Amino acid sequence: MSDFWVFGYGSLMWNPGFDHEDGKPALLRGAHRSLCVYSWVHRGTQEKPGLVFGLDRGGACRGMAYKVSSESRNKTIEYLRAREQVTMVYLESWRKITLQTGETVEALTYVVDRKHAQYAGALPLTDQLDIVLEAVGQSGRNPEYVLNTAAHLSELGIKDHNVSWLASRLNG
């Protein structure tokens, strides 16, 4: 076994929750960040779902890559599966990412399963806002999740028009 990378594009950017040796901004091509997953656990319930980010096909996504030591491999993957795969809405996938240094590495990613009942698709921003404003789950209020993600994108100098639009309305 060897060291490996994990790509974070939502809460994994600001709350990875696992030990890592290094963290670097990174780019994933072929998928984009989208508030396209109905959250039935962490930021909503099945009766009143929230919305969380997924990697949806097409485009590109800037986020954070975390290097995990080989000694922590099994523990980290077990943790990520328990966190990200509660309802199996994501497909665990190894994808090539480009680190800010220019190096290309393979990273563990969680890509939305478009066939899953929780896949919301590309909802209009106003609908996303309405859902986020009302939702609360085991991990807290849905607006906090979107605002934390927006703040960390800003810290990293990553521009995401949709996240910025939502954050400006959630803050106001």
C-alpha atoms as a PDB file:
ATOM      1  CA  MET A   1       0.000   0.000   0.000  1.00  0.00           C
ATOM      2  CA  SER A   2       1.104   3.531  -0.650  1.00  0.00           C
ATOM      3  CA  ASP A   3       0.194   7.085   0.197  1.00  0.00           C
ATOM      4  CA  PHE A   4      -2.875   8.407  -1.594  1.00  0.00           C
ATOM      5  CA  TRP A   5      -4.835  11.593  -2.194  1.00  0.00           C
ATOM      6  CA  VAL A   6      -8.438  12.520  -1.396  1.00  0.00           C
ATOM      7  CA  PHE A   7     -10.178  15.291  -3.374  1.00  0.00           C
ATOM      8  CA  GLY A   8     -12.547  17.581  -1.458  1.00  0.00           C
ATOM      9  CA  TYR A   9     -14.926  20.023  -3.137  1.00  0.00           C
ATOM     10  CA  GLY A  10     -17.556  20.688  -0.423  1.00  0.00           C
ATOM     11  CA  SER A  11     -17.326  20.050   3.307  1.00  0.00           C
ATOM     12  CA  LEU A  12     -14.224  17.887   2.835  1.00  0.00           C
ATOM     13  CA  MET A  13     -12.389  21.144   1.979  1.00  0.00           C
ATOM     14  CA  TRP A  14     -13.097  22.745   5.349  1.00  0.00           C
ATOM     15  CA  ASN A  15     -13.731  19.696   7.504  1.00  0.00           C
ATOM     16  CA  PRO A  16     -11.818  16.707   6.147  1.00  0.00           C
ATOM     17  CA  GLY A  17     -12.140  14.803   9.438  1.00  0.00           C
ATOM     18  CA  PHE A  18      -9.171  12.502   8.781  1.00  0.00           C
ATOM     19  CA  ASP A  19      -5.426  12.691   9.383  1.00  0.00           C
ATOM     20  CA  HIS A  20      -3.448  13.905   6.405  1.00  0.00           C
ATOM     21  CA  GLU A  21       0.169  14.764   5.723  1.00  0.00           C
ATOM     22  CA  ASP A  22      -0.430  17.564   3.251  1.00  0.00           C
ATOM     23  CA  GLY A  23      -3.184  19.614   1.672  1.00  0.00           C
ATOM     24  CA  LYS A  24      -2.953  21.406  -1.657  1.00  0.00           C
ATOM     25  CA  PRO A  25      -5.397  23.214  -3.926  1.00  0.00           C
ATOM     26  CA  ALA A  26      -6.209  20.982  -6.889  1.00  0.00           C
ATOM     27  CA  LEU A  27      -8.202  20.792 -10.106  1.00  0.00           C
ATOM     28  CA  LEU A  28     -10.403  17.917 -11.228  1.00  0.00           C
ATOM     29  CA  ARG A  29     -11.426  17.887 -14.889  1.00  0.00           C
ATOM     30  CA  GLY A  30     -14.562  16.162 -16.150  1.00  0.00           C
ATOM     31  CA  ALA A  31     -16.848  17.019 -13.233  1.00  0.00           C
ATOM     32  CA  HIS A  32     -18.077  20.192 -11.554  1.00  0.00           C
ATOM     33  CA  ARG A  33     -19.263  21.191  -8.065  1.00  0.00           C
ATOM     34  CA  SER A  34     -23.047  21.281  -7.947  1.00  0.00           C
ATOM     35  CA  LEU A  35     -25.633  21.572  -5.186  1.00  0.00           C
ATOM     36  CA  CYS A  36     -27.330  18.567  -6.761  1.00  0.00           C
ATOM     37  CA  VAL A  37     -27.825  16.085  -3.914  1.00  0.00           C
ATOM     38  CA  TYR A  38     -30.888  16.002  -1.670  1.00  0.00           C
ATOM     39  CA  SER A  39     -29.558  15.511   1.851  1.00  0.00           C
ATOM     40  CA  TRP A  40     -31.639  13.123   3.909  1.00  0.00           C
ATOM     41  CA  VAL A  41     -29.177  12.832   6.808  1.00  0.00           C
ATOM     42  CA  HIS A  42     -26.454  15.475   7.293  1.00  0.00           C
ATOM     43  CA  ARG A  43     -28.273  18.675   6.201  1.00  0.00           C
ATOM     44  CA  GLY A  44     -31.895  17.599   5.961  1.00  0.00           C
ATOM     45  CA  THR A  45     -34.280  14.702   6.423  1.00  0.00           C
ATOM     46  CA  GLN A  46     -36.153  12.471   4.024  1.00  0.00           C
ATOM     47  CA  GLU A  47     -39.343  14.401   4.877  1.00  0.00           C
ATOM     48  CA  LYS A  48     -37.648  17.811   4.448  1.00  0.00           C
ATOM     49  CA  PRO A  49     -34.441  17.339   2.456  1.00  0.00           C
ATOM     50  CA  GLY A  50     -31.604  19.806   2.316  1.00  0.00           C
ATOM     51  CA  LEU A  51     -29.074  20.137  -0.486  1.00  0.00           C
ATOM     52  CA  VAL A  52     -25.394  19.217  -0.463  1.00  0.00           C
ATOM     53  CA  PHE A  53     -22.693  19.353  -3.087  1.00  0.00           C
ATOM     54  CA  GLY A  54     -21.893  16.585  -5.481  1.00  0.00           C
ATOM     55  CA  LEU A  55     -19.430  16.213  -8.290  1.00  0.00           C
ATOM     56  CA  ASP A  56     -21.629  16.095 -11.372  1.00  0.00           C
ATOM     57  CA  ARG A  57     -20.434  15.270 -14.861  1.00  0.00           C
ATOM     58  CA  GLY A  58     -18.914  17.850 -17.139  1.00  0.00           C
ATOM     59  CA  GLY A  59     -16.715  20.886 -16.636  1.00  0.00           C
ATOM     60  CA  ALA A  60     -14.042  21.165 -13.984  1.00  0.00           C
ATOM     61  CA  CYS A  61     -13.845  21.653 -10.238  1.00  0.00           C
ATOM     62  CA  ARG A  62     -11.273  23.379  -8.082  1.00  0.00           C
ATOM     63  CA  GLY A  63     -10.989  22.092  -4.540  1.00  0.00           C
ATOM     64  CA  MET A  64      -8.515  20.679  -2.025  1.00  0.00           C
ATOM     65  CA  ALA A  65      -6.451  17.519  -2.240  1.00  0.00           C
ATOM     66  CA  TYR A  66      -5.283  15.835   0.930  1.00  0.00           C
ATOM     67  CA  LYS A  67      -2.355  13.420   1.024  1.00  0.00           C
ATOM     68  CA  VAL A  68      -2.935  10.462   3.329  1.00  0.00           C
ATOM     69  CA  SER A  69      -0.136   8.177   4.510  1.00  0.00           C
ATOM     70  CA  SER A  70      -0.187   4.493   3.668  1.00  0.00           C
ATOM     71  CA  GLU A  71      -0.478   3.730   7.405  1.00  0.00           C
ATOM     72  CA  SER A  72      -3.744   5.691   7.572  1.00  0.00           C
ATOM     73  CA  ARG A  73      -5.156   4.356   4.293  1.00  0.00           C
ATOM     74  CA  ASN A  74      -7.653   1.776   5.587  1.00  0.00           C
ATOM     75  CA  LYS A  75      -8.809   3.931   8.510  1.00  0.00           C
ATOM     76  CA  THR A  76      -9.306   6.950   6.224  1.00  0.00           C
ATOM     77  CA  ILE A  77     -11.226   5.060   3.550  1.00  0.00           C
ATOM     78  CA  GLU A  78     -13.401   3.446   6.226  1.00  0.00           C
ATOM     79  CA  TYR A  79     -14.104   6.900   7.710  1.00  0.00           C
ATOM     80  CA  LEU A  80     -14.923   8.418   4.306  1.00  0.00           C
ATOM     81  CA  ARG A  81     -17.274   5.573   3.413  1.00  0.00           C
ATOM     82  CA  ALA A  82     -19.125   5.979   6.717  1.00  0.00           C
ATOM     83  CA  ARG A  83     -19.390   9.749   6.157  1.00  0.00           C
ATOM     84  CA  GLU A  84     -20.027  10.003   2.419  1.00  0.00           C
ATOM     85  CA  GLN A  85     -21.861   6.754   1.728  1.00  0.00           C
ATOM     86  CA  VAL A  86     -24.609   6.868   4.370  1.00  0.00           C
ATOM     87  CA  THR A  87     -27.273   6.520   1.659  1.00  0.00           C
ATOM     88  CA  MET A  88     -24.964   5.470  -1.213  1.00  0.00           C
ATOM     89  CA  VAL A  89     -25.727   8.622  -3.243  1.00  0.00           C
ATOM     90  CA  TYR A  90     -22.071   8.921  -4.280  1.00  0.00           C
ATOM     91  CA  LEU A  91     -19.942   6.632  -6.393  1.00  0.00           C
ATOM     92  CA  GLU A  92     -16.479   6.107  -4.995  1.00  0.00           C
ATOM     93  CA  SER A  93     -14.086   6.793  -7.851  1.00  0.00           C
ATOM     94  CA  TRP A  94     -10.370   7.264  -8.464  1.00  0.00           C
ATOM     95  CA  ARG A  95      -9.787  10.275 -10.722  1.00  0.00           C
ATOM     96  CA  LYS A  96      -6.759  12.150 -11.974  1.00  0.00           C
ATOM     97  CA  ILE A  97      -6.378  15.592 -10.420  1.00  0.00           C
ATOM     98  CA  THR A  98      -3.803  18.291 -10.951  1.00  0.00           C
ATOM     99  CA  LEU A  99      -2.244  19.747  -7.825  1.00  0.00           C
ATOM    100  CA  GLN A 100      -1.490  23.469  -7.695  1.00  0.00           C
ATOM    101  CA  THR A 101       2.176  22.506  -8.137  1.00  0.00           C
ATOM    102  CA  GLY A 102       1.340  21.095 -11.594  1.00  0.00           C
ATOM    103  CA  GLU A 103       1.776  17.474 -10.511  1.00  0.00           C
ATOM    104  CA  THR A 104      -0.930  15.032 -11.636  1.00  0.00           C
ATOM    105  CA  VAL A 105      -2.001  12.383  -9.112  1.00  0.00           C
ATOM    106  CA  GLU A 106      -4.845   9.904  -8.681  1.00  0.00           C
ATOM    107  CA  ALA A 107      -7.304  10.858  -5.950  1.00  0.00           C
ATOM    108  CA  LEU A 108     -10.213   9.217  -4.238  1.00  0.00           C
ATOM    109  CA  THR A 109     -13.340  11.187  -5.123  1.00  0.00           C
ATOM    110  CA  TYR A 110     -17.040  10.927  -4.456  1.00  0.00           C
ATOM    111  CA  VAL A 111     -19.065  11.539  -7.623  1.00  0.00           C
ATOM    112  CA  VAL A 112     -22.849  11.823  -7.530  1.00  0.00           C
ATOM    113  CA  ASP A 113     -24.827   8.811  -8.740  1.00  0.00           C
ATOM    114  CA  ARG A 114     -27.304  10.321 -11.205  1.00  0.00           C
ATOM    115  CA  LYS A 115     -29.534   7.227 -10.893  1.00  0.00           C
ATOM    116  CA  HIS A 116     -29.959   7.614  -7.121  1.00  0.00           C
ATOM    117  CA  ALA A 117     -33.260   8.914  -5.702  1.00  0.00           C
ATOM    118  CA  GLN A 118     -31.366  11.746  -3.963  1.00  0.00           C
ATOM    119  CA  TYR A 119     -29.981  13.169  -7.206  1.00  0.00           C
ATOM    120  CA  ALA A 120     -31.629  16.588  -7.557  1.00  0.00           C
ATOM    121  CA  GLY A 121     -30.065  17.541 -10.875  1.00  0.00           C
ATOM    122  CA  ALA A 122     -29.537  21.150 -11.907  1.00  0.00           C
ATOM    123  CA  LEU A 123     -32.189  22.983  -9.898  1.00  0.00           C
ATOM    124  CA  PRO A 124     -32.699  26.719 -10.506  1.00  0.00           C
ATOM    125  CA  LEU A 125     -30.733  28.813  -7.979  1.00  0.00           C
ATOM    126  CA  THR A 126     -33.934  30.230  -6.488  1.00  0.00           C
ATOM    127  CA  ASP A 127     -35.187  26.689  -5.798  1.00  0.00           C
ATOM    128  CA  GLN A 128     -31.831  25.771  -4.257  1.00  0.00           C
ATOM    129  CA  LEU A 129     -32.053  28.814  -1.989  1.00  0.00           C
ATOM    130  CA  ASP A 130     -35.591  27.947  -0.852  1.00  0.00           C
ATOM    131  CA  ILE A 131     -34.575  24.373   0.014  1.00  0.00           C
ATOM    132  CA  VAL A 132     -31.341  25.358   1.792  1.00  0.00           C
ATOM    133  CA  LEU A 133     -33.023  28.039   3.907  1.00  0.00           C
ATOM    134  CA  GLU A 134     -35.458  25.553   5.480  1.00  0.00           C
ATOM    135  CA  ALA A 135     -33.352  22.418   5.936  1.00  0.00           C
ATOM    136  CA  VAL A 136     -31.697  21.015   9.072  1.00  0.00           C
ATOM    137  CA  GLY A 137     -30.064  17.606   9.515  1.00  0.00           C
ATOM    138  CA  GLN A 138     -27.851  15.653  11.899  1.00  0.00           C
ATOM    139  CA  SER A 139     -24.822  17.813  11.025  1.00  0.00           C
ATOM    140  CA  GLY A 140     -26.653  21.114  11.409  1.00  0.00           C
ATOM    141  CA  ARG A 141     -28.449  23.772   9.409  1.00  0.00           C
ATOM    142  CA  ASN A 142     -28.142  23.639   5.641  1.00  0.00           C
ATOM    143  CA  PRO A 143     -27.270  27.360   5.273  1.00  0.00           C
ATOM    144  CA  GLU A 144     -24.172  26.868   7.486  1.00  0.00           C
ATOM    145  CA  TYR A 145     -22.908  24.161   5.124  1.00  0.00           C
ATOM    146  CA  VAL A 146     -23.262  26.374   2.042  1.00  0.00           C
ATOM    147  CA  LEU A 147     -21.775  29.416   3.804  1.00  0.00           C
ATOM    148  CA  ASN A 148     -18.778  27.422   5.121  1.00  0.00           C
ATOM    149  CA  THR A 149     -18.120  26.094   1.646  1.00  0.00           C
ATOM    150  CA  ALA A 150     -18.413  29.612   0.161  1.00  0.00           C
ATOM    151  CA  ALA A 151     -15.999  31.012   2.766  1.00  0.00           C
ATOM    152  CA  HIS A 152     -13.390  28.356   2.061  1.00  0.00           C
ATOM    153  CA  LEU A 153     -13.715  28.775  -1.686  1.00  0.00           C
ATOM    154  CA  SER A 154     -13.107  32.485  -1.165  1.00  0.00           C
ATOM    155  CA  GLU A 155     -10.055  31.817   1.062  1.00  0.00           C
ATOM    156  CA  LEU A 156      -8.614  29.625  -1.679  1.00  0.00           C
ATOM    157  CA  GLY A 157      -9.342  32.232  -4.358  1.00  0.00           C
ATOM    158  CA  ILE A 158     -11.781  29.889  -6.101  1.00  0.00           C
ATOM    159  CA  LYS A 159     -14.625  31.594  -7.922  1.00  0.00           C
ATOM    160  CA  ASP A 160     -17.901  29.677  -8.094  1.00  0.00           C
ATOM    161  CA  HIS A 161     -20.723  31.889  -9.338  1.00  0.00           C
ATOM    162  CA  ASN A 162     -23.558  29.691  -8.050  1.00  0.00           C
ATOM    163  CA  VAL A 163     -22.094  29.280  -4.563  1.00  0.00           C
ATOM    164  CA  SER A 164     -21.385  33.019  -4.375  1.00  0.00           C
ATOM    165  CA  TRP A 165     -24.944  33.837  -5.446  1.00  0.00           C
ATOM    166  CA  LEU A 166     -26.387  31.555  -2.768  1.00  0.00           C
ATOM    167  CA  ALA A 167     -24.004  32.817  -0.054  1.00  0.00           C
ATOM    168  CA  SER A 168     -24.865  36.453  -0.785  1.00  0.00           C
ATOM    169  CA  ARG A 169     -28.547  35.701  -0.201  1.00  0.00           C
ATOM    170  CA  LEU A 170     -27.981  33.459   2.822  1.00  0.00           C
ATOM    171  CA  ASN A 171     -25.887  36.194   4.466  1.00  0.00           C
ATOM    172  CA  GLY A 172     -28.424  38.910   3.729  1.00  0.00           C
END
